[in-house]
Amino acid sequence: MKQQEVLKALAATTRRAILKRLQAGALSAGEIGAAFDMTAASLSHHFAVLKQADLVRTERRGQYIVYSLNSTVFEDLARMVLDLFPPKGNSGGKR
């Protein structure tokens, strides 16, 4: 997992909103874009950042690009965060 790219991608409200929309299932770029008031170029930039961070997968269906969540990266991210903050009382006896 490219931690820096993932954290950068998650830092933007718009990208988090795109990921939230994809929780319901795969959507075309046009279907996602219809929910946002921004230019196609701006949306394309957000898609590129999400794709570079490997948070989304793309599939070409005819003339459309369909986006879906890459849940593996989210699982890796959750593991990383949990490793940073272990449960209390699980410090191996050291204080």
Protein backbone atom coordinates (compact mmCIF):
# COMPACT_ATOMS: atom_id res chain seq x y z
CA MET A 1 0.00 0.00 0.00
CA LYS A 2 1.24 3.47 -0.87
CA GLN A 3 0.44 5.15 2.42
CA GLN A 4 1.25 8.70 1.31
CA GLU A 5 -0.94 8.46 -1.79
CA VAL A 6 -3.81 6.94 0.19
CA LEU A 7 -3.69 9.63 2.88
CA LYS A 8 -3.43 12.38 0.24
CA ALA A 9 -6.43 10.96 -1.59
CA LEU A 10 -8.50 10.77 1.59
CA ALA A 11 -7.60 14.34 2.58
CA ALA A 12 -9.98 15.90 0.03
CA THR A 13 -13.69 16.17 0.83
CA THR A 14 -14.67 15.60 -2.80
CA ARG A 15 -12.67 12.38 -3.04
CA ARG A 16 -14.19 11.08 0.19
CA ALA A 17 -17.64 11.90 -1.22
CA ILE A 18 -16.82 9.97 -4.40
CA LEU A 19 -15.73 6.96 -2.34
CA LYS A 20 -18.94 7.22 -0.28
CA ARG A 21 -21.04 7.09 -3.48
CA LEU A 22 -19.14 4.00 -4.62
CA GLN A 23 -20.06 2.13 -1.42
CA ALA A 24 -23.41 1.33 -3.04
CA GLY A 25 -21.69 -0.24 -6.04
CA ALA A 26 -19.87 0.52 -9.26
CA LEU A 27 -20.73 3.74 -11.10
CA SER A 28 -19.68 5.31 -14.37
CA ALA A 29 -17.70 8.53 -14.34
CA GLY A 30 -20.80 10.32 -15.66
CA GLU A 31 -23.01 8.93 -12.90
CA ILE A 32 -20.52 10.08 -10.27
CA GLY A 33 -20.01 13.44 -11.95
CA ALA A 34 -23.76 14.17 -11.98
CA ALA A 35 -23.63 14.47 -8.18
CA PHE A 36 -20.95 17.19 -8.20
CA ASP A 37 -21.00 20.78 -9.39
CA MET A 38 -17.56 20.91 -11.00
CA THR A 39 -15.91 20.65 -14.37
CA ALA A 40 -15.12 17.35 -16.00
CA ALA A 41 -11.41 18.23 -15.77
CA SER A 42 -11.66 18.70 -12.00
CA LEU A 43 -13.49 15.40 -11.59
CA SER A 44 -10.93 13.70 -13.81
CA HIS A 45 -8.19 14.96 -11.50
CA HIS A 46 -9.97 13.52 -8.45
CA PHE A 47 -10.46 10.19 -10.23
CA ALA A 48 -6.75 10.11 -11.13
CA VAL A 49 -5.71 10.70 -7.51
CA LEU A 50 -8.04 7.95 -6.28
CA LYS A 51 -6.77 5.58 -8.94
CA GLN A 52 -3.11 6.38 -8.19
CA ALA A 53 -3.76 5.59 -4.52
CA ASP A 54 -5.36 2.33 -5.67
CA LEU A 55 -8.55 3.20 -3.78
CA VAL A 56 -10.68 2.61 -6.88
CA ARG A 57 -10.61 0.18 -9.76
CA THR A 58 -11.62 1.08 -13.28
CA GLU A 59 -13.18 -0.96 -16.03
CA ARG A 60 -13.94 0.17 -19.54
CA ARG A 61 -17.44 -0.76 -20.69
CA GLY A 62 -17.80 0.43 -24.24
CA GLN A 63 -17.31 4.17 -24.20
CA TYR A 64 -17.75 4.42 -20.43
CA ILE A 65 -15.28 4.06 -17.57
CA VAL A 66 -16.83 2.40 -14.54
CA TYR A 67 -15.35 2.93 -11.08
CA SER A 68 -15.59 0.60 -8.08
CA LEU A 69 -14.02 0.52 -4.62
CA ASN A 70 -10.84 -1.44 -4.02
CA SER A 71 -11.68 -2.77 -0.57
CA THR A 72 -8.25 -4.39 -0.15
CA VAL A 73 -6.62 -0.98 0.29
CA PHE A 74 -9.19 0.00 2.91
CA GLU A 75 -8.47 -3.18 4.84
CA ASP A 76 -4.73 -2.44 4.70
CA LEU A 77 -5.35 1.14 5.84
CA ALA A 78 -7.49 -0.03 8.76
CA ARG A 79 -4.73 -2.44 9.81
CA MET A 80 -2.15 0.35 9.60
CA VAL A 81 -4.26 2.68 11.77
CA LEU A 82 -4.94 -0.05 14.33
CA ASP A 83 -1.21 -0.77 14.52
CA LEU A 84 -0.58 2.90 15.31
CA PHE A 85 -3.07 2.85 18.19
CA PRO A 86 -3.03 -0.54 19.93
CA PRO A 87 -5.75 -1.22 22.52
CA LYS A 88 -4.96 -0.11 26.05
CA GLY A 89 -3.47 -2.86 28.18
CA ASN A 90 -1.87 -4.44 25.12
CA SER A 91 1.53 -2.81 25.41
CA GLY A 92 3.44 -6.01 26.13
CA GLY A 93 3.91 -5.13 29.79
CA LYS A 94 5.91 -1.96 29.10
CA ARG A 95 4.78 1.42 30.31
